[in-house]
Amino acid sequence: MTAQVSETLFINGQKLRMCACPLDGFLAANSKRWDFAANCSACWRGYVGTWEIVGDRLYLKAIEGELTNGQEACLETLFPGYSDGVFAHWFSGEIRCPQGKMLDYVHGGFASKYERDLFMKFKCGVLISEHTVVNGVANEGEPDDCEIAAFTVFGKEDKGRE
């Protein structure tokens, strides 16, 4: 599997990459309603979410993607009447936010290793703890904040073969 595009998380005015998909549980519980289309190998889930922590609460602020029926998906698609954001009450689990330079690229999921990882634990959408793990220091000259550079894009004609 190709390394996956991260979600975005805003916290205290800072923009972080998020190596977690807090929307997955909600989508699994409502699988009959929405089916996202993967348009490239770097985003098998078919969408990218933008999140924000306000106080100690996690909010989904935006979503971009396409449904298998061709409809563009946005926050209003999943949560009618909540186009400005929705409290992620369905999410309990841990979110990993990598920080610093990449130490080791792993061509799969969110497995690449960075200098630091911020881990935040949530219960019913409420932040209950956080801690940082230091994984090492990158060699000089390594680029900051690496993103995925190689992936396969699926055309409309490929979508039926997934």
C-alpha atoms as a PDB file:
ATOM      1  CA  MET A   1       0.000   0.000   0.000  1.00  0.00           C
ATOM      2  CA  THR A   2       1.199   3.503  -0.780  1.00  0.00           C
ATOM      3  CA  ALA A   3       1.827   5.931   2.080  1.00  0.00           C
ATOM      4  CA  GLN A   4      -1.440   7.769   2.679  1.00  0.00           C
ATOM      5  CA  VAL A   5      -2.275  11.474   2.525  1.00  0.00           C
ATOM      6  CA  SER A   6      -2.703  12.798   6.042  1.00  0.00           C
ATOM      7  CA  GLU A   7      -5.689  14.585   7.469  1.00  0.00           C
ATOM      8  CA  THR A   8      -5.141  18.164   8.717  1.00  0.00           C
ATOM      9  CA  LEU A   9      -5.518  19.222  12.350  1.00  0.00           C
ATOM     10  CA  PHE A  10      -5.553  22.764  13.703  1.00  0.00           C
ATOM     11  CA  ILE A  11      -4.738  23.181  17.380  1.00  0.00           C
ATOM     12  CA  ASN A  12      -3.900  26.445  19.138  1.00  0.00           C
ATOM     13  CA  GLY A  13      -3.399  28.170  15.780  1.00  0.00           C
ATOM     14  CA  GLN A  14      -0.929  25.526  14.614  1.00  0.00           C
ATOM     15  CA  LYS A  15      -1.504  23.357  11.537  1.00  0.00           C
ATOM     16  CA  LEU A  16      -0.457  19.717  11.996  1.00  0.00           C
ATOM     17  CA  ARG A  17      -0.583  16.607   9.848  1.00  0.00           C
ATOM     18  CA  MET A  18      -2.680  13.863  11.361  1.00  0.00           C
ATOM     19  CA  CYS A  19      -1.877  10.173  10.890  1.00  0.00           C
ATOM     20  CA  ALA A  20      -5.306   8.932  11.893  1.00  0.00           C
ATOM     21  CA  CYS A  21      -8.786   8.860  10.398  1.00  0.00           C
ATOM     22  CA  PRO A  22     -11.287   9.737  13.155  1.00  0.00           C
ATOM     23  CA  LEU A  23     -14.152   9.719  10.660  1.00  0.00           C
ATOM     24  CA  ASP A  24     -13.716   5.983   9.939  1.00  0.00           C
ATOM     25  CA  GLY A  25     -15.855   4.835  12.882  1.00  0.00           C
ATOM     26  CA  PHE A  26     -18.677   7.166  11.922  1.00  0.00           C
ATOM     27  CA  LEU A  27     -18.561   6.028   8.290  1.00  0.00           C
ATOM     28  CA  ALA A  28     -18.483   2.346   9.294  1.00  0.00           C
ATOM     29  CA  ALA A  29     -21.588   2.812  11.436  1.00  0.00           C
ATOM     30  CA  ASN A  30     -23.312   4.547   8.513  1.00  0.00           C
ATOM     31  CA  SER A  31     -21.857   2.500   5.640  1.00  0.00           C
ATOM     32  CA  LYS A  32     -25.150   2.239   3.792  1.00  0.00           C
ATOM     33  CA  ARG A  33     -25.346   6.024   3.379  1.00  0.00           C
ATOM     34  CA  TRP A  34     -21.990   7.008   1.869  1.00  0.00           C
ATOM     35  CA  ASP A  35     -19.423   5.196  -0.207  1.00  0.00           C
ATOM     36  CA  PHE A  36     -16.306   7.222  -1.023  1.00  0.00           C
ATOM     37  CA  ALA A  37     -14.379   6.643  -4.242  1.00  0.00           C
ATOM     38  CA  ALA A  38     -10.599   6.323  -4.039  1.00  0.00           C
ATOM     39  CA  ASN A  39      -9.167   8.557  -6.746  1.00  0.00           C
ATOM     40  CA  CYS A  40      -5.510   7.732  -6.114  1.00  0.00           C
ATOM     41  CA  SER A  41      -3.414   5.132  -4.313  1.00  0.00           C
ATOM     42  CA  ALA A  42      -2.308   7.744  -1.723  1.00  0.00           C
ATOM     43  CA  CYS A  43      -5.890   8.141  -0.471  1.00  0.00           C
ATOM     44  CA  TRP A  44      -7.647   4.786  -0.371  1.00  0.00           C
ATOM     45  CA  ARG A  45     -10.259   6.186   2.034  1.00  0.00           C
ATOM     46  CA  GLY A  46     -11.439   8.538  -0.743  1.00  0.00           C
ATOM     47  CA  TYR A  47     -11.589  11.710   1.339  1.00  0.00           C
ATOM     48  CA  VAL A  48      -9.423  14.123   3.305  1.00  0.00           C
ATOM     49  CA  GLY A  49     -10.729  15.734   6.467  1.00  0.00           C
ATOM     50  CA  THR A  50      -9.791  18.972   8.175  1.00  0.00           C
ATOM     51  CA  TRP A  51     -10.103  18.926  11.956  1.00  0.00           C
ATOM     52  CA  GLU A  52      -9.762  21.390  14.809  1.00  0.00           C
ATOM     53  CA  ILE A  53      -9.428  21.062  18.558  1.00  0.00           C
ATOM     54  CA  VAL A  54     -11.390  23.811  20.301  1.00  0.00           C
ATOM     55  CA  GLY A  55     -10.884  23.776  24.052  1.00  0.00           C
ATOM     56  CA  ASP A  56     -10.645  20.049  24.588  1.00  0.00           C
ATOM     57  CA  ARG A  57     -13.133  19.020  21.886  1.00  0.00           C
ATOM     58  CA  LEU A  58     -12.409  17.581  18.439  1.00  0.00           C
ATOM     59  CA  TYR A  59     -14.384  19.024  15.524  1.00  0.00           C
ATOM     60  CA  LEU A  60     -14.557  17.972  11.893  1.00  0.00           C
ATOM     61  CA  LYS A  61     -14.409  21.322  10.067  1.00  0.00           C
ATOM     62  CA  ALA A  62     -14.317  20.226   6.410  1.00  0.00           C
ATOM     63  CA  ILE A  63     -14.133  17.181   4.194  1.00  0.00           C
ATOM     64  CA  GLU A  64     -13.172  16.834   0.553  1.00  0.00           C
ATOM     65  CA  GLY A  65     -13.821  13.749  -1.521  1.00  0.00           C
ATOM     66  CA  GLU A  66     -16.011  12.106  -4.094  1.00  0.00           C
ATOM     67  CA  LEU A  67     -18.681   9.477  -3.615  1.00  0.00           C
ATOM     68  CA  THR A  68     -18.816   6.437  -5.890  1.00  0.00           C
ATOM     69  CA  ASN A  69     -21.954   7.901  -7.503  1.00  0.00           C
ATOM     70  CA  GLY A  70     -19.813  10.839  -8.738  1.00  0.00           C
ATOM     71  CA  GLN A  71     -21.168  13.375  -6.236  1.00  0.00           C
ATOM     72  CA  GLU A  72     -18.583  15.683  -4.670  1.00  0.00           C
ATOM     73  CA  ALA A  73     -18.683  15.223  -0.914  1.00  0.00           C
ATOM     74  CA  CYS A  74     -18.399  17.987   1.652  1.00  0.00           C
ATOM     75  CA  LEU A  75     -19.300  18.427   5.296  1.00  0.00           C
ATOM     76  CA  GLU A  76     -22.911  19.238   4.385  1.00  0.00           C
ATOM     77  CA  THR A  77     -23.154  15.887   2.519  1.00  0.00           C
ATOM     78  CA  LEU A  78     -22.470  13.909   5.705  1.00  0.00           C
ATOM     79  CA  PHE A  79     -23.902  16.329   8.261  1.00  0.00           C
ATOM     80  CA  PRO A  80     -26.750  18.401   6.783  1.00  0.00           C
ATOM     81  CA  GLY A  81     -27.113  21.692   8.632  1.00  0.00           C
ATOM     82  CA  TYR A  82     -23.551  21.566  10.014  1.00  0.00           C
ATOM     83  CA  SER A  83     -21.531  23.174   7.216  1.00  0.00           C
ATOM     84  CA  ASP A  84     -19.295  25.042   9.711  1.00  0.00           C
ATOM     85  CA  GLY A  85     -18.204  21.971  11.660  1.00  0.00           C
ATOM     86  CA  VAL A  86     -19.440  19.090  13.754  1.00  0.00           C
ATOM     87  CA  PHE A  87     -18.317  17.816  17.170  1.00  0.00           C
ATOM     88  CA  ALA A  88     -16.693  14.376  16.718  1.00  0.00           C
ATOM     89  CA  HIS A  89     -18.619  12.698  19.572  1.00  0.00           C
ATOM     90  CA  TRP A  90     -18.307   9.314  17.820  1.00  0.00           C
ATOM     91  CA  PHE A  91     -14.496   9.254  18.080  1.00  0.00           C
ATOM     92  CA  SER A  92     -12.681   7.506  20.897  1.00  0.00           C
ATOM     93  CA  GLY A  93      -9.084   6.621  20.259  1.00  0.00           C
ATOM     94  CA  GLU A  94      -5.646   8.024  19.659  1.00  0.00           C
ATOM     95  CA  ILE A  95      -4.475  10.513  17.058  1.00  0.00           C
ATOM     96  CA  ARG A  96      -0.818  10.680  16.029  1.00  0.00           C
ATOM     97  CA  CYS A  97       0.578  13.937  14.654  1.00  0.00           C
ATOM     98  CA  PRO A  98       4.113  13.569  13.277  1.00  0.00           C
ATOM     99  CA  GLN A  99       6.408  16.564  13.727  1.00  0.00           C
ATOM    100  CA  GLY A 100       9.821  17.537  12.430  1.00  0.00           C
ATOM    101  CA  LYS A 101      11.801  15.937   9.673  1.00  0.00           C
ATOM    102  CA  MET A 102      11.190  12.470   8.298  1.00  0.00           C
ATOM    103  CA  LEU A 103      13.607   9.860   9.643  1.00  0.00           C
ATOM    104  CA  ASP A 104      12.369   6.831   7.712  1.00  0.00           C
ATOM    105  CA  TYR A 105       9.932   6.659   4.793  1.00  0.00           C
ATOM    106  CA  VAL A 106       7.635   3.634   4.841  1.00  0.00           C
ATOM    107  CA  HIS A 107       5.668   2.955   1.666  1.00  0.00           C
ATOM    108  CA  GLY A 108       2.465   2.053   3.472  1.00  0.00           C
ATOM    109  CA  GLY A 109      -0.300   3.731   5.433  1.00  0.00           C
ATOM    110  CA  PHE A 110       0.870   6.226   8.062  1.00  0.00           C
ATOM    111  CA  ALA A 111       3.950   4.206   9.046  1.00  0.00           C
ATOM    112  CA  SER A 112       6.719   6.687   8.138  1.00  0.00           C
ATOM    113  CA  LYS A 113       8.818   7.792  11.102  1.00  0.00           C
ATOM    114  CA  TYR A 114       9.461  11.445  12.030  1.00  0.00           C
ATOM    115  CA  GLU A 115      11.621  13.199  14.630  1.00  0.00           C
ATOM    116  CA  ARG A 116       8.693  13.519  17.045  1.00  0.00           C
ATOM    117  CA  ASP A 117       5.155  12.239  17.394  1.00  0.00           C
ATOM    118  CA  LEU A 118       2.435  14.032  19.319  1.00  0.00           C
ATOM    119  CA  PHE A 119      -0.118  11.489  20.559  1.00  0.00           C
ATOM    120  CA  MET A 120      -3.547  12.694  21.687  1.00  0.00           C
ATOM    121  CA  LYS A 121      -6.117  10.382  23.266  1.00  0.00           C
ATOM    122  CA  PHE A 122      -9.839  11.120  22.950  1.00  0.00           C
ATOM    123  CA  LYS A 123     -12.957   9.728  24.572  1.00  0.00           C
ATOM    124  CA  CYS A 124     -16.254  10.550  22.833  1.00  0.00           C
ATOM    125  CA  GLY A 125     -14.528  13.451  21.039  1.00  0.00           C
ATOM    126  CA  VAL A 126     -13.021  14.971  24.179  1.00  0.00           C
ATOM    127  CA  LEU A 127      -9.236  15.200  24.600  1.00  0.00           C
ATOM    128  CA  ILE A 128      -8.279  13.312  27.756  1.00  0.00           C
ATOM    129  CA  SER A 129      -4.478  13.098  27.466  1.00  0.00           C
ATOM    130  CA  GLU A 130      -1.524  13.867  25.253  1.00  0.00           C
ATOM    131  CA  HIS A 131       2.172  13.127  25.153  1.00  0.00           C
ATOM    132  CA  THR A 132       5.122  13.539  22.792  1.00  0.00           C
ATOM    133  CA  VAL A 133       7.566  10.822  21.788  1.00  0.00           C
ATOM    134  CA  VAL A 134      11.010  11.801  20.477  1.00  0.00           C
ATOM    135  CA  ASN A 135      12.118   9.336  17.798  1.00  0.00           C
ATOM    136  CA  GLY A 136      15.506  10.813  16.890  1.00  0.00           C
ATOM    137  CA  VAL A 137      17.138  13.632  14.977  1.00  0.00           C
ATOM    138  CA  ALA A 138      17.292  13.783  11.187  1.00  0.00           C
ATOM    139  CA  ASN A 139      20.526  14.175   9.290  1.00  0.00           C
ATOM    140  CA  GLU A 140      21.384  17.706   8.246  1.00  0.00           C
ATOM    141  CA  GLY A 141      20.032  18.641   4.861  1.00  0.00           C
ATOM    142  CA  GLU A 142      16.914  16.496   5.171  1.00  0.00           C
ATOM    143  CA  PRO A 143      13.801  18.403   4.054  1.00  0.00           C
ATOM    144  CA  ASP A 144      11.259  19.572   6.634  1.00  0.00           C
ATOM    145  CA  ASP A 145       7.693  18.281   6.688  1.00  0.00           C
ATOM    146  CA  CYS A 146       7.836  15.689   3.884  1.00  0.00           C
ATOM    147  CA  GLU A 147       4.661  14.740   2.072  1.00  0.00           C
ATOM    148  CA  ILE A 148       3.852  11.913  -0.312  1.00  0.00           C
ATOM    149  CA  ALA A 149       5.439  12.346  -3.729  1.00  0.00           C
ATOM    150  CA  ALA A 150       4.588   9.127  -5.591  1.00  0.00           C
ATOM    151  CA  PHE A 151       1.128   7.693  -6.111  1.00  0.00           C
ATOM    152  CA  THR A 152      -1.169   6.377  -8.812  1.00  0.00           C
ATOM    153  CA  VAL A 153      -4.169   8.442  -9.903  1.00  0.00           C
ATOM    154  CA  PHE A 154      -7.244   6.504 -10.970  1.00  0.00           C
ATOM    155  CA  GLY A 155      -9.249   7.756 -13.931  1.00  0.00           C
ATOM    156  CA  LYS A 156     -13.030   7.546 -14.109  1.00  0.00           C
ATOM    157  CA  GLU A 157     -12.750   4.409 -16.252  1.00  0.00           C
ATOM    158  CA  ASP A 158     -10.570   2.711 -13.578  1.00  0.00           C
ATOM    159  CA  LYS A 159     -13.042   3.165 -10.725  1.00  0.00           C
ATOM    160  CA  GLY A 160     -15.102   0.109 -11.643  1.00  0.00           C
ATOM    161  CA  ARG A 161     -12.025  -2.122 -11.380  1.00  0.00           C
ATOM    162  CA  GLU A 162     -11.078  -1.311  -7.751  1.00  0.00           C
END
